[in-house]
Amino acid sequence: MHGKTTVIAGLLFILLGAILILQNFSLFDQYFLRSFGLFTLGILLFFQGVLSKPPRRVFLSSFFTLLGAYYILGELNLLSTSPGLIIPVYTIIIGLSFYPVFLIEKGKWDKVLLGNLIILVGILFLFWHLELIPNQYLINITNTYWPVILILSGLLIFMKGLRKH
């Protein structure tokens, strides 16, 4: 397995070096490098992580892949990449990055629950930023339902304890 990991790491450096050289000749702008570079880095790290035993870096590679895909969609004018959306979008991407971990490491329901909780927080941030939820309503929801975080945390700990037995 070590040989496959080394091959993928070598390909990653070759690809990154080629992109940087082409950028010096103004064939790529910084936005192209950011979006396609993050996406490619995520895909390569994903394959490297999945090929290793046990699988590693799945969360990190998923994060880079999703982040790169977000910026690619922004360059294609399919999504807005305005600076005000960074916190909600990054939060949602962090939550979504837990799903591949769950799929590769079978039976890790705590990863899905944590990912869903983070996605929910990101969606609330997004709705607040887009002014779809009035500030007072968001404050009321937070004040009323914040104990749900305690319940979900307890559920995660409980499930982890059951799995150890």
C-alpha atoms as a PDB file:
ATOM      1  CA  MET A   1       0.000   0.000   0.000  1.00  0.00           C
ATOM      2  CA  HIS A   2       2.852   2.372   0.691  1.00  0.00           C
ATOM      3  CA  GLY A   3       3.812   2.313  -3.001  1.00  0.00           C
ATOM      4  CA  LYS A   4       0.334   3.411  -4.133  1.00  0.00           C
ATOM      5  CA  THR A   5       0.344   6.254  -1.623  1.00  0.00           C
ATOM      6  CA  THR A   6       3.732   7.416  -2.870  1.00  0.00           C
ATOM      7  CA  VAL A   7       2.558   7.307  -6.498  1.00  0.00           C
ATOM      8  CA  ILE A   8      -0.495   9.423  -5.703  1.00  0.00           C
ATOM      9  CA  ALA A   9       1.598  11.906  -3.701  1.00  0.00           C
ATOM     10  CA  GLY A  10       4.015  12.150  -6.650  1.00  0.00           C
ATOM     11  CA  LEU A  11       1.142  12.779  -9.073  1.00  0.00           C
ATOM     12  CA  LEU A  12      -0.162  15.465  -6.749  1.00  0.00           C
ATOM     13  CA  PHE A  13       3.168  17.308  -6.783  1.00  0.00           C
ATOM     14  CA  ILE A  14       3.497  16.973 -10.586  1.00  0.00           C
ATOM     15  CA  LEU A  15      -0.005  18.346 -11.110  1.00  0.00           C
ATOM     16  CA  LEU A  16       0.478  21.194  -8.648  1.00  0.00           C
ATOM     17  CA  GLY A  17       3.818  22.132 -10.201  1.00  0.00           C
ATOM     18  CA  ALA A  18       2.353  22.096 -13.721  1.00  0.00           C
ATOM     19  CA  ILE A  19      -0.521  24.343 -12.639  1.00  0.00           C
ATOM     20  CA  LEU A  20       1.871  26.794 -10.975  1.00  0.00           C
ATOM     21  CA  ILE A  21       4.070  26.942 -14.094  1.00  0.00           C
ATOM     22  CA  LEU A  22       1.048  27.548 -16.323  1.00  0.00           C
ATOM     23  CA  GLN A  23      -0.109  30.265 -13.932  1.00  0.00           C
ATOM     24  CA  ASN A  24       3.243  32.029 -14.409  1.00  0.00           C
ATOM     25  CA  PHE A  25       2.404  32.271 -18.116  1.00  0.00           C
ATOM     26  CA  SER A  26      -0.975  33.831 -17.209  1.00  0.00           C
ATOM     27  CA  LEU A  27      -2.915  30.840 -18.452  1.00  0.00           C
ATOM     28  CA  PHE A  28      -4.695  30.537 -15.113  1.00  0.00           C
ATOM     29  CA  ASP A  29      -5.870  33.267 -12.811  1.00  0.00           C
ATOM     30  CA  GLN A  30      -5.898  32.985  -9.024  1.00  0.00           C
ATOM     31  CA  TYR A  31      -9.576  32.040  -8.951  1.00  0.00           C
ATOM     32  CA  PHE A  32      -9.016  29.150 -11.345  1.00  0.00           C
ATOM     33  CA  LEU A  33      -6.145  27.915  -9.217  1.00  0.00           C
ATOM     34  CA  ARG A  34      -8.196  28.236  -6.032  1.00  0.00           C
ATOM     35  CA  SER A  35     -11.262  26.422  -7.336  1.00  0.00           C
ATOM     36  CA  PHE A  36      -9.799  23.697  -9.536  1.00  0.00           C
ATOM     37  CA  GLY A  37      -6.720  23.359  -7.342  1.00  0.00           C
ATOM     38  CA  LEU A  38      -8.774  22.718  -4.206  1.00  0.00           C
ATOM     39  CA  PHE A  39     -11.052  20.340  -6.073  1.00  0.00           C
ATOM     40  CA  THR A  40      -8.139  18.368  -7.563  1.00  0.00           C
ATOM     41  CA  LEU A  41      -6.276  18.319  -4.253  1.00  0.00           C
ATOM     42  CA  GLY A  42      -9.394  16.967  -2.543  1.00  0.00           C
ATOM     43  CA  ILE A  43      -9.899  14.219  -5.119  1.00  0.00           C
ATOM     44  CA  LEU A  44      -6.250  13.126  -4.964  1.00  0.00           C
ATOM     45  CA  LEU A  45      -6.225  13.145  -1.157  1.00  0.00           C
ATOM     46  CA  PHE A  46      -9.451  11.149  -1.197  1.00  0.00           C
ATOM     47  CA  PHE A  47      -7.931   8.408  -3.355  1.00  0.00           C
ATOM     48  CA  GLN A  48      -4.770   8.415  -1.276  1.00  0.00           C
ATOM     49  CA  GLY A  49      -6.796   8.151   1.927  1.00  0.00           C
ATOM     50  CA  VAL A  50      -9.107   5.405   0.674  1.00  0.00           C
ATOM     51  CA  LEU A  51      -6.237   3.312  -0.677  1.00  0.00           C
ATOM     52  CA  SER A  52      -4.453   3.350   2.676  1.00  0.00           C
ATOM     53  CA  LYS A  53      -5.403   0.785   5.312  1.00  0.00           C
ATOM     54  CA  PRO A  54      -7.163   1.897   7.433  1.00  0.00           C
ATOM     55  CA  PRO A  55      -8.630   4.723   5.360  1.00  0.00           C
ATOM     56  CA  ARG A  56      -7.401   8.190   6.394  1.00  0.00           C
ATOM     57  CA  ARG A  57      -7.831  11.814   5.473  1.00  0.00           C
ATOM     58  CA  VAL A  58     -11.342  11.158   4.169  1.00  0.00           C
ATOM     59  CA  PHE A  59     -12.795  14.114   6.068  1.00  0.00           C
ATOM     60  CA  LEU A  60     -10.044  16.501   4.935  1.00  0.00           C
ATOM     61  CA  SER A  61     -10.203  15.362   1.316  1.00  0.00           C
ATOM     62  CA  SER A  62     -13.998  15.664   1.296  1.00  0.00           C
ATOM     63  CA  PHE A  63     -13.709  19.185   2.672  1.00  0.00           C
ATOM     64  CA  PHE A  64     -11.231  20.263  -0.041  1.00  0.00           C
ATOM     65  CA  THR A  65     -13.289  18.612  -2.785  1.00  0.00           C
ATOM     66  CA  LEU A  66     -16.535  20.270  -1.695  1.00  0.00           C
ATOM     67  CA  LEU A  67     -14.814  23.621  -1.218  1.00  0.00           C
ATOM     68  CA  GLY A  68     -13.295  23.391  -4.696  1.00  0.00           C
ATOM     69  CA  ALA A  69     -16.677  22.417  -6.161  1.00  0.00           C
ATOM     70  CA  TYR A  70     -18.254  25.447  -4.449  1.00  0.00           C
ATOM     71  CA  TYR A  71     -15.706  27.804  -6.008  1.00  0.00           C
ATOM     72  CA  ILE A  72     -16.024  26.105  -9.423  1.00  0.00           C
ATOM     73  CA  LEU A  73     -19.786  26.679  -9.298  1.00  0.00           C
ATOM     74  CA  GLY A  74     -19.043  30.277  -8.311  1.00  0.00           C
ATOM     75  CA  GLU A  75     -16.788  30.753 -11.335  1.00  0.00           C
ATOM     76  CA  LEU A  76     -19.534  29.368 -13.548  1.00  0.00           C
ATOM     77  CA  ASN A  77     -21.907  31.937 -11.972  1.00  0.00           C
ATOM     78  CA  LEU A  78     -24.154  29.192 -10.652  1.00  0.00           C
ATOM     79  CA  LEU A  79     -23.586  30.144  -6.999  1.00  0.00           C
ATOM     80  CA  SER A  80     -22.651  33.312  -5.207  1.00  0.00           C
ATOM     81  CA  THR A  81     -19.224  33.340  -3.569  1.00  0.00           C
ATOM     82  CA  SER A  82     -19.600  36.691  -1.857  1.00  0.00           C
ATOM     83  CA  PRO A  83     -17.443  37.179   1.257  1.00  0.00           C
ATOM     84  CA  GLY A  84     -20.528  37.354   3.478  1.00  0.00           C
ATOM     85  CA  LEU A  85     -21.379  33.758   2.634  1.00  0.00           C
ATOM     86  CA  ILE A  86     -18.056  32.309   3.771  1.00  0.00           C
ATOM     87  CA  ILE A  87     -19.140  31.357   7.301  1.00  0.00           C
ATOM     88  CA  PRO A  88     -22.461  29.712   6.321  1.00  0.00           C
ATOM     89  CA  VAL A  89     -21.034  27.905   3.296  1.00  0.00           C
ATOM     90  CA  TYR A  90     -17.895  26.679   5.059  1.00  0.00           C
ATOM     91  CA  THR A  91     -20.050  25.467   7.963  1.00  0.00           C
ATOM     92  CA  ILE A  92     -22.310  23.520   5.607  1.00  0.00           C
ATOM     93  CA  ILE A  93     -19.281  22.097   3.779  1.00  0.00           C
ATOM     94  CA  ILE A  94     -17.758  20.955   7.086  1.00  0.00           C
ATOM     95  CA  GLY A  95     -21.019  19.197   7.926  1.00  0.00           C
ATOM     96  CA  LEU A  96     -21.217  17.543   4.505  1.00  0.00           C
ATOM     97  CA  SER A  97     -17.620  16.334   4.855  1.00  0.00           C
ATOM     98  CA  PHE A  98     -18.724  13.899   7.564  1.00  0.00           C
ATOM     99  CA  TYR A  99     -20.841  11.855   5.131  1.00  0.00           C
ATOM    100  CA  PRO A 100     -17.955  10.212   3.210  1.00  0.00           C
ATOM    101  CA  VAL A 101     -16.355   9.350   6.564  1.00  0.00           C
ATOM    102  CA  PHE A 102     -19.575   7.579   7.540  1.00  0.00           C
ATOM    103  CA  LEU A 103     -19.760   5.751   4.204  1.00  0.00           C
ATOM    104  CA  ILE A 104     -16.169   4.504   4.394  1.00  0.00           C
ATOM    105  CA  GLU A 105     -16.079   3.769   8.118  1.00  0.00           C
ATOM    106  CA  LYS A 106     -19.282   1.733   8.342  1.00  0.00           C
ATOM    107  CA  GLY A 107     -21.425   2.132  11.425  1.00  0.00           C
ATOM    108  CA  LYS A 108     -20.148   5.512  12.601  1.00  0.00           C
ATOM    109  CA  TRP A 109     -23.568   7.098  13.138  1.00  0.00           C
ATOM    110  CA  ASP A 110     -22.036   9.713  15.407  1.00  0.00           C
ATOM    111  CA  LYS A 111     -20.341  11.208  12.321  1.00  0.00           C
ATOM    112  CA  VAL A 112     -23.678  11.594  10.522  1.00  0.00           C
ATOM    113  CA  LEU A 113     -25.375  13.115  13.552  1.00  0.00           C
ATOM    114  CA  LEU A 114     -22.528  15.571  14.081  1.00  0.00           C
ATOM    115  CA  GLY A 115     -22.497  16.409  10.365  1.00  0.00           C
ATOM    116  CA  ASN A 116     -26.263  17.023  10.382  1.00  0.00           C
ATOM    117  CA  LEU A 117     -25.979  19.293  13.410  1.00  0.00           C
ATOM    118  CA  ILE A 118     -23.225  21.341  11.753  1.00  0.00           C
ATOM    119  CA  ILE A 119     -25.241  21.532   8.500  1.00  0.00           C
ATOM    120  CA  LEU A 120     -28.254  22.774  10.457  1.00  0.00           C
ATOM    121  CA  VAL A 121     -26.160  25.520  12.059  1.00  0.00           C
ATOM    122  CA  GLY A 122     -24.783  26.450   8.620  1.00  0.00           C
ATOM    123  CA  ILE A 123     -28.284  26.644   7.145  1.00  0.00           C
ATOM    124  CA  LEU A 124     -29.391  28.896  10.001  1.00  0.00           C
ATOM    125  CA  PHE A 125     -26.376  31.150   9.325  1.00  0.00           C
ATOM    126  CA  LEU A 126     -27.235  31.136   5.626  1.00  0.00           C
ATOM    127  CA  PHE A 127     -30.883  32.041   6.216  1.00  0.00           C
ATOM    128  CA  TRP A 128     -29.809  34.767   8.619  1.00  0.00           C
ATOM    129  CA  HIS A 129     -27.291  36.165   6.109  1.00  0.00           C
ATOM    130  CA  LEU A 130     -29.838  36.108   3.296  1.00  0.00           C
ATOM    131  CA  GLU A 131     -32.311  37.787   5.680  1.00  0.00           C
ATOM    132  CA  LEU A 132     -34.813  34.969   5.249  1.00  0.00           C
ATOM    133  CA  ILE A 133     -35.060  34.688   9.039  1.00  0.00           C
ATOM    134  CA  PRO A 134     -35.501  37.895  11.045  1.00  0.00           C
ATOM    135  CA  ASN A 135     -32.874  38.408  13.746  1.00  0.00           C
ATOM    136  CA  GLN A 136     -35.421  38.285  16.574  1.00  0.00           C
ATOM    137  CA  TYR A 137     -36.871  35.017  15.295  1.00  0.00           C
ATOM    138  CA  LEU A 138     -33.400  33.450  15.065  1.00  0.00           C
ATOM    139  CA  ILE A 139     -32.644  34.583  18.625  1.00  0.00           C
ATOM    140  CA  ASN A 140     -35.933  33.077  19.838  1.00  0.00           C
ATOM    141  CA  ILE A 141     -35.179  29.765  18.090  1.00  0.00           C
ATOM    142  CA  THR A 142     -31.683  29.691  19.597  1.00  0.00           C
ATOM    143  CA  ASN A 143     -32.901  30.533  23.117  1.00  0.00           C
ATOM    144  CA  THR A 144     -35.653  27.906  22.933  1.00  0.00           C
ATOM    145  CA  TYR A 145     -33.925  24.995  21.245  1.00  0.00           C
ATOM    146  CA  TRP A 146     -30.272  25.208  22.298  1.00  0.00           C
ATOM    147  CA  PRO A 147     -30.774  22.238  24.697  1.00  0.00           C
ATOM    148  CA  VAL A 148     -31.192  20.068  21.581  1.00  0.00           C
ATOM    149  CA  ILE A 149     -27.404  20.313  21.252  1.00  0.00           C
ATOM    150  CA  LEU A 150     -27.090  18.740  24.708  1.00  0.00           C
ATOM    151  CA  ILE A 151     -29.534  15.978  23.752  1.00  0.00           C
ATOM    152  CA  LEU A 152     -27.666  15.216  20.516  1.00  0.00           C
ATOM    153  CA  SER A 153     -24.314  15.292  22.323  1.00  0.00           C
ATOM    154  CA  GLY A 154     -25.670  12.855  24.895  1.00  0.00           C
ATOM    155  CA  LEU A 155     -26.996  10.639  22.108  1.00  0.00           C
ATOM    156  CA  LEU A 156     -23.564  10.614  20.441  1.00  0.00           C
ATOM    157  CA  ILE A 157     -21.848   9.689  23.707  1.00  0.00           C
ATOM    158  CA  PHE A 158     -24.484   7.031  24.433  1.00  0.00           C
ATOM    159  CA  MET A 159     -24.102   5.456  20.987  1.00  0.00           C
ATOM    160  CA  LYS A 160     -20.318   5.476  21.301  1.00  0.00           C
ATOM    161  CA  GLY A 161     -20.630   3.715  24.668  1.00  0.00           C
ATOM    162  CA  LEU A 162     -22.940   1.072  23.195  1.00  0.00           C
ATOM    163  CA  ARG A 163     -20.544   0.435  20.338  1.00  0.00           C
ATOM    164  CA  LYS A 164     -17.658  -0.233  22.756  1.00  0.00           C
ATOM    165  CA  HIS A 165     -19.686  -2.964  24.501  1.00  0.00           C
END
